[in-house]
C-alpha atoms as a PDB file:
ATOM      1  CA  MET A   1      31.174   3.875 -17.132  1.00  0.00           C
ATOM      2  CA  ASP A   2      28.808   1.859 -14.975  1.00  0.00           C
ATOM      3  CA  ARG A   3      28.426   2.361 -11.281  1.00  0.00           C
ATOM      4  CA  TRP A   4      29.052  -0.603  -9.016  1.00  0.00           C
ATOM      5  CA  ALA A   5      25.326  -0.618  -8.223  1.00  0.00           C
ATOM      6  CA  ASP A   6      24.459  -1.073 -11.927  1.00  0.00           C
ATOM      7  CA  ASP A   7      26.554  -4.250 -12.057  1.00  0.00           C
ATOM      8  CA  LEU A   8      24.941  -5.477  -8.865  1.00  0.00           C
ATOM      9  CA  ILE A   9      21.446  -4.725 -10.207  1.00  0.00           C
ATOM     10  CA  GLU A  10      22.153  -6.800 -13.326  1.00  0.00           C
ATOM     11  CA  GLU A  11      23.451  -9.650 -11.180  1.00  0.00           C
ATOM     12  CA  TYR A  12      20.336  -9.509  -8.981  1.00  0.00           C
ATOM     13  CA  LYS A  13      18.094  -9.472 -12.074  1.00  0.00           C
ATOM     14  CA  ARG A  14      19.796 -12.617 -13.387  1.00  0.00           C
ATOM     15  CA  GLY A  15      19.384 -14.255  -9.980  1.00  0.00           C
ATOM     16  CA  LYS A  16      15.723 -13.253  -9.870  1.00  0.00           C
ATOM     17  CA  SER A  17      15.209 -14.678 -13.352  1.00  0.00           C
ATOM     18  CA  ASP A  18      16.756 -17.988 -12.254  1.00  0.00           C
ATOM     19  CA  LEU A  19      14.470 -18.082  -9.217  1.00  0.00           C
ATOM     20  CA  LYS A  20      11.417 -17.448 -11.410  1.00  0.00           C
ATOM     21  CA  LYS A  21      12.444 -20.321 -13.694  1.00  0.00           C
ATOM     22  CA  LYS A  22      12.779 -22.647 -10.697  1.00  0.00           C
ATOM     23  CA  LEU A  23       9.401 -21.483  -9.425  1.00  0.00           C
ATOM     24  CA  SER A  24       7.730 -22.157 -12.776  1.00  0.00           C
ATOM     25  CA  LEU A  25       9.043 -25.741 -12.751  1.00  0.00           C
ATOM     26  CA  LEU A  26       7.296 -26.553  -9.463  1.00  0.00           C
ATOM     27  CA  ASP A  27       3.790 -28.005  -9.503  1.00  0.00           C
ATOM     28  CA  VAL A  28       1.495 -25.610  -7.644  1.00  0.00           C
ATOM     29  CA  ASN A  29      -1.078 -28.347  -6.983  1.00  0.00           C
ATOM     30  CA  ASP A  30       1.439 -30.609  -5.227  1.00  0.00           C
ATOM     31  CA  PRO A  31       1.237 -29.974  -1.445  1.00  0.00           C
ATOM     32  CA  SER A  32       4.831 -31.142  -0.950  1.00  0.00           C
ATOM     33  CA  ASN A  33       6.030 -28.146  -3.000  1.00  0.00           C
ATOM     34  CA  GLU A  34       4.247 -25.585  -0.831  1.00  0.00           C
ATOM     35  CA  THR A  35       7.245 -24.709   1.347  1.00  0.00           C
ATOM     36  CA  ASP A  36       9.539 -24.501  -1.692  1.00  0.00           C
ATOM     37  CA  ILE A  37       7.065 -22.250  -3.502  1.00  0.00           C
ATOM     38  CA  ASN A  38       6.723 -19.965  -0.484  1.00  0.00           C
ATOM     39  CA  LEU A  39      10.490 -19.806  -0.062  1.00  0.00           C
ATOM     40  CA  LEU A  40      11.077 -18.983  -3.741  1.00  0.00           C
ATOM     41  CA  GLU A  41       8.344 -16.317  -3.724  1.00  0.00           C
ATOM     42  CA  ASP A  42       9.904 -14.727  -0.642  1.00  0.00           C
ATOM     43  CA  MET A  43      13.332 -14.808  -2.261  1.00  0.00           C
ATOM     44  CA  ILE A  44      11.963 -13.135  -5.406  1.00  0.00           C
ATOM     45  CA  ALA A  45      10.278 -10.457  -3.286  1.00  0.00           C
ATOM     46  CA  ASP A  46      13.567  -9.845  -1.450  1.00  0.00           C
ATOM     47  CA  MET A  47      15.391  -9.547  -4.774  1.00  0.00           C
ATOM     48  CA  ASN A  48      12.809  -7.007  -6.003  1.00  0.00           C
ATOM     49  CA  TYR A  49      13.268  -5.025  -2.801  1.00  0.00           C
ATOM     50  CA  ALA A  50      17.057  -5.004  -3.141  1.00  0.00           C
ATOM     51  CA  ILE A  51      16.896  -4.065  -6.829  1.00  0.00           C
ATOM     52  CA  GLU A  52      14.549  -1.177  -6.093  1.00  0.00           C
ATOM     53  CA  TRP A  53      16.805   0.022  -3.263  1.00  0.00           C
ATOM     54  CA  LEU A  54      19.886  -0.095  -5.507  1.00  0.00           C
ATOM     55  CA  ARG A  55      18.079   1.600  -8.383  1.00  0.00           C
ATOM     56  CA  ASN A  56      16.696   4.475  -6.287  1.00  0.00           C
ATOM     57  CA  GLY A  57      19.542   4.779  -3.827  1.00  0.00           C
ATOM     58  CA  ARG A  58      17.189   4.733  -0.850  1.00  0.00           C
ATOM     59  CA  GLN A  59      14.972   2.382   1.086  1.00  0.00           C
ATOM     60  CA  PRO A  60      11.830   1.375  -0.844  1.00  0.00           C
ATOM     61  CA  ASN A  61       8.363   2.335   0.401  1.00  0.00           C
ATOM     62  CA  THR A  62       9.475   5.493   2.173  1.00  0.00           C
ATOM     63  CA  TYR A  63       7.723   8.635   1.064  1.00  0.00           C
ATOM     64  CA  LYS A  64       9.016  12.186   0.757  1.00  0.00           C
ATOM     65  CA  GLY A  65      12.316  11.222   2.367  1.00  0.00           C
ATOM     66  CA  ILE A  66      10.784  11.189   5.813  1.00  0.00           C
ATOM     67  CA  ASP A  67      11.419   7.730   7.122  1.00  0.00           C
ATOM     68  CA  LYS A  68      10.757   8.170  10.814  1.00  0.00           C
ATOM     69  CA  LYS A  69       7.900  10.671  10.893  1.00  0.00           C
ATOM     70  CA  ALA A  70       5.514   8.292   9.171  1.00  0.00           C
ATOM     71  CA  VAL A  71       5.969   5.700  11.925  1.00  0.00           C
ATOM     72  CA  TYR A  72       3.571   7.597  14.176  1.00  0.00           C
ATOM     73  CA  GLN A  73       1.061   8.034  11.363  1.00  0.00           C
ATOM     74  CA  LYS A  74       1.252   4.340  10.497  1.00  0.00           C
ATOM     75  CA  MET A  75       0.645   3.397  14.126  1.00  0.00           C
ATOM     76  CA  MET A  76      -2.435   5.607  14.084  1.00  0.00           C
ATOM     77  CA  PHE A  77      -3.673   4.083  10.800  1.00  0.00           C
ATOM     78  CA  ASP A  78      -3.108   0.555  12.049  1.00  0.00           C
ATOM     79  CA  SER A  79      -5.480   1.177  14.929  1.00  0.00           C
ATOM     80  CA  MET A  80      -8.183   2.665  12.695  1.00  0.00           C
ATOM     81  CA  ASP A  81     -11.050   0.649  11.306  1.00  0.00           C
ATOM     82  CA  PHE A  82     -11.398   1.644   7.655  1.00  0.00           C
ATOM     83  CA  ILE A  83     -14.515  -0.325   6.907  1.00  0.00           C
ATOM     84  CA  PRO A  84     -17.639   1.367   8.215  1.00  0.00           C
ATOM     85  CA  ASP A  85     -19.935  -0.721  10.360  1.00  0.00           C
ATOM     86  CA  ILE A  86     -22.566  -1.887   7.898  1.00  0.00           C
ATOM     87  CA  VAL A  87     -23.591  -5.070   9.684  1.00  0.00           C
ATOM     88  CA  GLU A  88     -26.934  -3.531  10.647  1.00  0.00           C
ATOM     89  CA  GLN A  89     -27.512  -2.438   7.061  1.00  0.00           C
ATOM     90  CA  LEU A  90     -26.761  -5.924   5.751  1.00  0.00           C
ATOM     91  CA  ASP A  91     -28.796  -7.556   8.513  1.00  0.00           C
ATOM     92  CA  ILE A  92     -26.206 -10.325   8.713  1.00  0.00           C
ATOM     93  CA  ASN A  93     -24.964 -10.486  12.288  1.00  0.00           C
ATOM     94  CA  ASP A  94     -22.754 -13.559  11.959  1.00  0.00           C
ATOM     95  CA  ARG A  95     -20.630 -12.120   9.143  1.00  0.00           C
ATOM     96  CA  GLN A  96     -17.719  -9.898  10.193  1.00  0.00           C
ATOM     97  CA  LEU A  97     -16.050  -7.495   7.793  1.00  0.00           C
ATOM     98  CA  HIS A  98     -12.327  -6.924   8.337  1.00  0.00           C
ATOM     99  CA  LEU A  99      -9.074  -6.180   6.552  1.00  0.00           C
ATOM    100  CA  THR A 100      -6.346  -8.775   6.257  1.00  0.00           C
ATOM    101  CA  SER A 101      -2.895  -7.771   7.463  1.00  0.00           C
ATOM    102  CA  THR A 102      -1.733  -7.381   3.846  1.00  0.00           C
ATOM    103  CA  GLN A 103      -4.690  -5.138   3.023  1.00  0.00           C
ATOM    104  CA  ARG A 104      -4.065  -3.119   6.172  1.00  0.00           C
ATOM    105  CA  ILE A 105      -0.393  -2.602   5.225  1.00  0.00           C
ATOM    106  CA  LYS A 106      -1.378  -1.482   1.719  1.00  0.00           C
ATOM    107  CA  MET A 107      -3.980   0.880   3.161  1.00  0.00           C
ATOM    108  CA  THR A 108      -1.441   2.290   5.605  1.00  0.00           C
ATOM    109  CA  ASN A 109       1.086   2.905   2.836  1.00  0.00           C
ATOM    110  CA  ILE A 110      -1.525   4.613   0.684  1.00  0.00           C
ATOM    111  CA  LEU A 111      -2.717   6.871   3.489  1.00  0.00           C
ATOM    112  CA  ALA A 112       0.839   7.731   4.515  1.00  0.00           C
ATOM    113  CA  ILE A 113       1.519   9.504   1.213  1.00  0.00           C
ATOM    114  CA  LEU A 114      -1.526  11.764   1.485  1.00  0.00           C
ATOM    115  CA  SER A 115      -1.257  15.143   3.150  1.00  0.00           C
ATOM    116  CA  THR A 116      -3.221  15.624   6.363  1.00  0.00           C
ATOM    117  CA  ARG A 117      -6.023  17.554   4.641  1.00  0.00           C
ATOM    118  CA  GLU A 118      -6.150  15.184   1.663  1.00  0.00           C
ATOM    119  CA  ARG A 119      -6.389  12.216   4.008  1.00  0.00           C
ATOM    120  CA  GLN A 120      -9.040  13.893   6.156  1.00  0.00           C
ATOM    121  CA  CYS A 121     -11.239  14.917   3.221  1.00  0.00           C
ATOM    122  CA  TYR A 122     -10.723  11.641   1.343  1.00  0.00           C
ATOM    123  CA  LEU A 123     -11.605   9.461   4.337  1.00  0.00           C
ATOM    124  CA  LEU A 124     -14.635  11.536   5.294  1.00  0.00           C
ATOM    125  CA  HIS A 125     -15.886  11.393   1.719  1.00  0.00           C
ATOM    126  CA  THR A 126     -15.191   7.713   0.993  1.00  0.00           C
ATOM    127  CA  THR A 127     -15.749   5.982   4.330  1.00  0.00           C
ATOM    128  CA  GLN A 128     -18.304   8.247   5.982  1.00  0.00           C
ATOM    129  CA  GLN A 129     -19.899   9.200   2.637  1.00  0.00           C
ATOM    130  CA  LEU A 130     -20.201  12.826   3.671  1.00  0.00           C
ATOM    131  CA  SER A 131     -20.925  15.362   0.965  1.00  0.00           C
ATOM    132  CA  MET A 132     -18.222  17.817  -0.001  1.00  0.00           C
ATOM    133  CA  GLU A 133     -20.359  20.625   1.372  1.00  0.00           C
ATOM    134  CA  ARG A 134     -20.686  18.885   4.736  1.00  0.00           C
ATOM    135  CA  ILE A 135     -16.930  18.217   4.862  1.00  0.00           C
ATOM    136  CA  ALA A 136     -16.309  21.896   4.083  1.00  0.00           C
ATOM    137  CA  GLU A 137     -18.563  22.922   6.977  1.00  0.00           C
ATOM    138  CA  GLU A 138     -16.879  20.538   9.425  1.00  0.00           C
ATOM    139  CA  THR A 139     -13.313  21.423   8.438  1.00  0.00           C
ATOM    140  CA  GLY A 140     -13.843  25.141   7.921  1.00  0.00           C
ATOM    141  CA  ILE A 141     -12.571  25.236   4.353  1.00  0.00           C
ATOM    142  CA  LYS A 142     -14.332  25.995   1.070  1.00  0.00           C
ATOM    143  CA  LYS A 143     -16.225  23.316  -0.837  1.00  0.00           C
ATOM    144  CA  ARG A 144     -14.007  23.743  -3.920  1.00  0.00           C
ATOM    145  CA  THR A 145     -10.913  23.213  -1.766  1.00  0.00           C
ATOM    146  CA  VAL A 146     -12.420  20.005  -0.379  1.00  0.00           C
ATOM    147  CA  GLN A 147     -13.115  18.873  -3.944  1.00  0.00           C
ATOM    148  CA  GLN A 148      -9.504  19.563  -4.945  1.00  0.00           C
ATOM    149  CA  TYR A 149      -8.162  17.644  -1.933  1.00  0.00           C
ATOM    150  CA  ILE A 150     -10.354  14.645  -2.764  1.00  0.00           C
ATOM    151  CA  GLU A 151      -9.377  14.741  -6.447  1.00  0.00           C
ATOM    152  CA  ARG A 152      -5.681  14.947  -5.555  1.00  0.00           C
ATOM    153  CA  ALA A 153      -6.036  12.045  -3.122  1.00  0.00           C
ATOM    154  CA  ARG A 154      -7.849   9.929  -5.743  1.00  0.00           C
ATOM    155  CA  VAL A 155      -5.066  10.549  -8.253  1.00  0.00           C
ATOM    156  CA  LYS A 156      -2.420   9.522  -5.705  1.00  0.00           C
ATOM    157  CA  VAL A 157      -4.372   6.415  -4.668  1.00  0.00           C
ATOM    158  CA  LYS A 158      -4.980   5.401  -8.285  1.00  0.00           C
ATOM    159  CA  LYS A 159      -1.285   5.876  -9.070  1.00  0.00           C
ATOM    160  CA  ILE A 160      -0.245   3.583  -6.213  1.00  0.00           C
ATOM    161  CA  ILE A 161      -2.860   0.928  -6.911  1.00  0.00           C
ATOM    162  CA  SER A 162      -2.058   0.663 -10.616  1.00  0.00           C
END
């Protein structure tokens, strides 16, 4: 016996399929279709969101069941600059490096799933390019523990990205 959500998921999948067919019929190079294309893409994204919510029984993109706690972490991540200042190294003063809002959201979601120590070790190692030994000295933990935190963080990041 199917749950009511299973029937709804199938209905949403059919609707999403119809939207994809309509999207494929539009000419991408025609500027007059731009608003229709954007609207259809947004509708498909909304359908994916609803399907995922129905399938999992909870709001998508929330981690470890803690929906409100991560808000403060995300606010902190949003104010961080993840790209180190390498303008002097490049010797190109007119070129600014920055993250787009989409990239920043993805980065925030990735960092939100890491534990505090994983995030700390991973960021120090990848953005500051500190050695594991140096990170161990600064954090007061053993080098092998730092290595394990970084490895765990890499696995989690790779899993989300792929």
